[in-house]
């Protein structure tokens, strides 16, 4: 299964970096991603700072990338990033 649009496979995880105009934009994005993760009960690793956010996901039970990670990445891709 190929990585969703904008995502890459890095060390057994799906990863994507997002860019923003400022810290507040990155934080708002992380808040939105957090809500998606809670709704799906699948919790990604989230990192952010001024002007950027990084999301990494893998399924810990299998120690690999699964369909659930692809579904999470696709849901995150639906967020409008400005």
N, C-alpha and C. Protein backbone atom coordinates (compact mmCIF):
# COMPACT_ATOMS: atom_id res chain seq x y z
N UNK A 1 0.86 -1.18 0.00
CA UNK A 1 0.00 0.00 0.00
C UNK A 1 0.90 1.24 0.00
N UNK A 2 0.69 2.12 -0.95
CA UNK A 2 1.53 3.31 -1.03
C UNK A 2 1.07 4.36 -0.02
N UNK A 3 1.99 5.24 0.33
CA UNK A 3 1.70 6.29 1.31
C UNK A 3 0.66 7.26 0.74
N UNK A 4 -0.23 7.77 1.61
CA UNK A 4 -1.21 8.76 1.16
C UNK A 4 -0.52 10.02 0.62
N UNK A 5 -1.23 10.80 -0.16
CA UNK A 5 -0.69 12.02 -0.76
C UNK A 5 -0.04 12.91 0.30
N UNK A 6 1.20 13.29 0.05
CA UNK A 6 1.92 14.20 0.93
C UNK A 6 2.67 13.50 2.06
N UNK A 7 2.44 12.23 2.26
CA UNK A 7 3.04 11.47 3.35
C UNK A 7 4.19 10.62 2.83
N UNK A 8 5.17 10.35 3.70
CA UNK A 8 6.26 9.46 3.35
C UNK A 8 6.40 8.40 4.44
N UNK A 9 6.98 7.27 4.06
CA UNK A 9 7.30 6.24 5.04
C UNK A 9 8.71 6.48 5.54
N UNK A 10 8.84 6.64 6.85
CA UNK A 10 10.14 6.88 7.47
C UNK A 10 10.25 5.96 8.69
N UNK A 11 11.22 5.06 8.65
CA UNK A 11 11.48 4.17 9.78
C UNK A 11 10.22 3.49 10.31
N UNK A 12 9.41 2.95 9.40
CA UNK A 12 8.23 2.21 9.79
C UNK A 12 7.05 3.04 10.25
N UNK A 13 7.05 4.33 9.91
CA UNK A 13 5.95 5.22 10.25
C UNK A 13 5.55 6.01 9.01
N UNK A 14 4.30 6.47 9.00
CA UNK A 14 3.89 7.47 8.02
C UNK A 14 4.19 8.83 8.63
N UNK A 15 4.79 9.73 7.86
CA UNK A 15 5.15 11.05 8.37
C UNK A 15 4.81 12.11 7.34
N UNK A 16 4.36 13.25 7.86
CA UNK A 16 4.14 14.41 7.00
C UNK A 16 4.43 15.67 7.80
N UNK A 17 5.09 16.63 7.14
CA UNK A 17 5.34 17.94 7.75
C UNK A 17 4.43 18.96 7.07
N UNK A 18 3.86 19.84 7.88
CA UNK A 18 2.97 20.90 7.41
C UNK A 18 3.59 22.24 7.76
N UNK A 19 3.39 23.24 6.90
CA UNK A 19 3.92 24.59 7.13
C UNK A 19 2.79 25.57 7.40
N UNK A 20 3.08 26.55 8.25
CA UNK A 20 2.10 27.56 8.65
C UNK A 20 2.78 28.92 8.70
N UNK A 21 1.96 29.97 8.74
CA UNK A 21 2.51 31.32 8.77
C UNK A 21 3.00 31.72 10.15
N UNK A 22 2.54 31.02 11.19
CA UNK A 22 2.95 31.40 12.54
C UNK A 22 2.70 30.25 13.52
N UNK A 23 3.00 30.50 14.78
CA UNK A 23 2.83 29.51 15.83
C UNK A 23 1.36 29.18 16.05
N UNK A 24 0.51 30.20 16.03
CA UNK A 24 -0.92 30.00 16.28
C UNK A 24 -1.54 29.08 15.23
N UNK A 25 -1.14 29.23 13.98
CA UNK A 25 -1.65 28.36 12.92
C UNK A 25 -1.24 26.91 13.12
N UNK A 26 0.01 26.71 13.52
CA UNK A 26 0.49 25.35 13.79
C UNK A 26 -0.26 24.74 14.97
N UNK A 27 -0.47 25.53 16.02
CA UNK A 27 -1.18 25.02 17.20
C UNK A 27 -2.63 24.67 16.87
N UNK A 28 -3.29 25.51 16.10
CA UNK A 28 -4.68 25.24 15.72
C UNK A 28 -4.77 23.93 14.92
N UNK A 29 -3.80 23.72 14.05
CA UNK A 29 -3.75 22.48 13.28
C UNK A 29 -3.56 21.28 14.19
N UNK A 30 -2.63 21.38 15.12
CA UNK A 30 -2.38 20.29 16.07
C UNK A 30 -3.63 20.00 16.89
N UNK A 31 -4.35 21.04 17.29
CA UNK A 31 -5.60 20.84 18.03
C UNK A 31 -6.61 20.06 17.18
N UNK A 32 -6.71 20.40 15.90
CA UNK A 32 -7.64 19.71 15.00
C UNK A 32 -7.22 18.25 14.79
N UNK A 33 -5.92 18.02 14.62
CA UNK A 33 -5.42 16.66 14.46
C UNK A 33 -5.68 15.86 15.74
N UNK A 34 -5.49 16.47 16.89
CA UNK A 34 -5.75 15.80 18.16
C UNK A 34 -7.19 15.32 18.25
N UNK A 35 -8.11 16.14 17.80
CA UNK A 35 -9.53 15.76 17.81
C UNK A 35 -9.80 14.57 16.90
N UNK A 36 -9.19 14.57 15.73
CA UNK A 36 -9.33 13.44 14.81
C UNK A 36 -8.78 12.17 15.46
N UNK A 37 -7.61 12.28 16.07
CA UNK A 37 -7.00 11.12 16.73
C UNK A 37 -7.90 10.57 17.83
N UNK A 38 -8.48 11.46 18.62
CA UNK A 38 -9.39 11.02 19.68
C UNK A 38 -10.61 10.34 19.10
N UNK A 39 -11.19 10.93 18.06
CA UNK A 39 -12.38 10.35 17.43
C UNK A 39 -12.11 8.95 16.87
N UNK A 40 -10.90 8.77 16.32
CA UNK A 40 -10.54 7.48 15.73
C UNK A 40 -9.92 6.52 16.74
N UNK A 41 -9.64 7.02 17.95
CA UNK A 41 -8.94 6.24 18.98
C UNK A 41 -7.63 5.67 18.42
N UNK A 42 -6.92 6.51 17.69
CA UNK A 42 -5.62 6.15 17.11
C UNK A 42 -4.75 7.39 17.23
N UNK A 43 -3.75 7.33 18.08
CA UNK A 43 -3.06 8.54 18.52
C UNK A 43 -1.67 8.67 17.89
N UNK A 44 -1.54 9.67 17.05
CA UNK A 44 -0.29 9.95 16.34
C UNK A 44 0.69 10.68 17.25
N UNK A 45 1.95 10.66 16.85
CA UNK A 45 2.97 11.49 17.48
C UNK A 45 2.88 12.86 16.82
N UNK A 46 2.76 13.90 17.63
CA UNK A 46 2.58 15.25 17.11
C UNK A 46 3.70 16.14 17.64
N UNK A 47 4.32 16.89 16.73
CA UNK A 47 5.39 17.82 17.08
C UNK A 47 5.09 19.13 16.36
N UNK A 48 5.27 20.25 17.04
CA UNK A 48 5.05 21.52 16.35
C UNK A 48 5.85 22.63 17.01
N UNK A 49 6.00 23.70 16.25
CA UNK A 49 6.69 24.90 16.71
C UNK A 49 6.28 26.05 15.80
N UNK A 50 7.05 27.12 15.83
CA UNK A 50 6.70 28.28 15.04
C UNK A 50 6.71 27.91 13.56
N UNK A 51 5.54 27.95 12.92
CA UNK A 51 5.43 27.77 11.49
C UNK A 51 5.46 26.34 10.97
N UNK A 52 5.46 25.35 11.85
CA UNK A 52 5.48 23.97 11.34
C UNK A 52 4.77 23.01 12.29
N UNK A 53 4.35 21.90 11.73
CA UNK A 53 3.83 20.78 12.51
C UNK A 53 4.25 19.50 11.80
N UNK A 54 4.59 18.49 12.57
CA UNK A 54 4.95 17.18 12.03
C UNK A 54 4.03 16.14 12.67
N UNK A 55 3.47 15.28 11.83
CA UNK A 55 2.61 14.20 12.30
C UNK A 55 3.26 12.88 11.87
N UNK A 56 3.38 11.96 12.83
CA UNK A 56 3.90 10.62 12.56
C UNK A 56 2.90 9.62 13.12
N UNK A 57 2.61 8.58 12.35
CA UNK A 57 1.69 7.56 12.83
C UNK A 57 2.15 6.16 12.45
N UNK A 58 1.92 5.25 13.37
CA UNK A 58 2.14 3.81 13.19
C UNK A 58 1.22 3.10 14.18
N UNK A 59 0.97 1.84 13.95
CA UNK A 59 0.14 1.07 14.87
C UNK A 59 1.04 0.33 15.84
N UNK A 60 0.97 0.70 17.10
CA UNK A 60 1.87 0.15 18.11
C UNK A 60 1.64 -1.34 18.34
N UNK A 61 0.40 -1.80 18.23
CA UNK A 61 0.11 -3.23 18.45
C UNK A 61 0.84 -4.13 17.47
N UNK A 62 1.03 -3.65 16.25
CA UNK A 62 1.70 -4.46 15.23
C UNK A 62 3.11 -3.95 14.92
N UNK A 63 3.46 -2.82 15.52
CA UNK A 63 4.76 -2.19 15.27
C UNK A 63 4.99 -1.98 13.77
N UNK A 64 3.91 -1.54 13.09
CA UNK A 64 4.00 -1.33 11.65
C UNK A 64 2.91 -0.35 11.20
N UNK A 65 2.97 -0.01 9.93
CA UNK A 65 1.94 0.84 9.33
C UNK A 65 0.78 -0.06 8.90
N UNK A 66 -0.43 0.30 9.32
CA UNK A 66 -1.61 -0.49 8.99
C UNK A 66 -2.65 0.37 8.28
N UNK A 67 -3.75 -0.25 7.92
CA UNK A 67 -4.85 0.47 7.29
C UNK A 67 -5.31 1.63 8.15
N UNK A 68 -5.31 1.45 9.47
CA UNK A 68 -5.74 2.52 10.38
C UNK A 68 -4.85 3.75 10.24
N UNK A 69 -3.56 3.56 10.05
CA UNK A 69 -2.65 4.69 9.85
C UNK A 69 -2.96 5.42 8.55
N UNK A 70 -3.26 4.65 7.51
CA UNK A 70 -3.64 5.26 6.24
C UNK A 70 -4.94 6.03 6.37
N UNK A 71 -5.90 5.48 7.11
CA UNK A 71 -7.17 6.18 7.32
C UNK A 71 -6.97 7.47 8.10
N UNK A 72 -6.10 7.42 9.12
CA UNK A 72 -5.80 8.63 9.89
C UNK A 72 -5.14 9.68 9.00
N UNK A 73 -4.15 9.27 8.21
CA UNK A 73 -3.47 10.21 7.31
C UNK A 73 -4.45 10.85 6.33
N UNK A 74 -5.35 10.05 5.79
CA UNK A 74 -6.34 10.59 4.85
C UNK A 74 -7.28 11.58 5.55
N UNK A 75 -7.67 11.28 6.78
CA UNK A 75 -8.53 12.21 7.54
C UNK A 75 -7.80 13.52 7.80
N UNK A 76 -6.52 13.44 8.14
CA UNK A 76 -5.72 14.64 8.39
C UNK A 76 -5.57 15.43 7.09
N UNK A 77 -5.43 14.73 5.98
CA UNK A 77 -5.32 15.41 4.68
C UNK A 77 -6.56 16.24 4.35
N UNK A 78 -7.68 15.92 4.95
CA UNK A 78 -8.92 16.66 4.68
C UNK A 78 -8.95 18.02 5.39
N UNK A 79 -8.07 18.22 6.37
CA UNK A 79 -8.01 19.52 7.06
C UNK A 79 -7.50 20.58 6.09
N UNK A 80 -8.08 21.74 6.16
CA UNK A 80 -7.62 22.84 5.31
C UNK A 80 -6.45 23.52 6.00
N UNK A 81 -5.30 23.49 5.37
CA UNK A 81 -4.09 24.08 5.93
C UNK A 81 -3.87 25.43 5.26
N UNK A 82 -3.73 26.47 6.09
CA UNK A 82 -3.49 27.80 5.51
C UNK A 82 -2.24 28.42 6.08
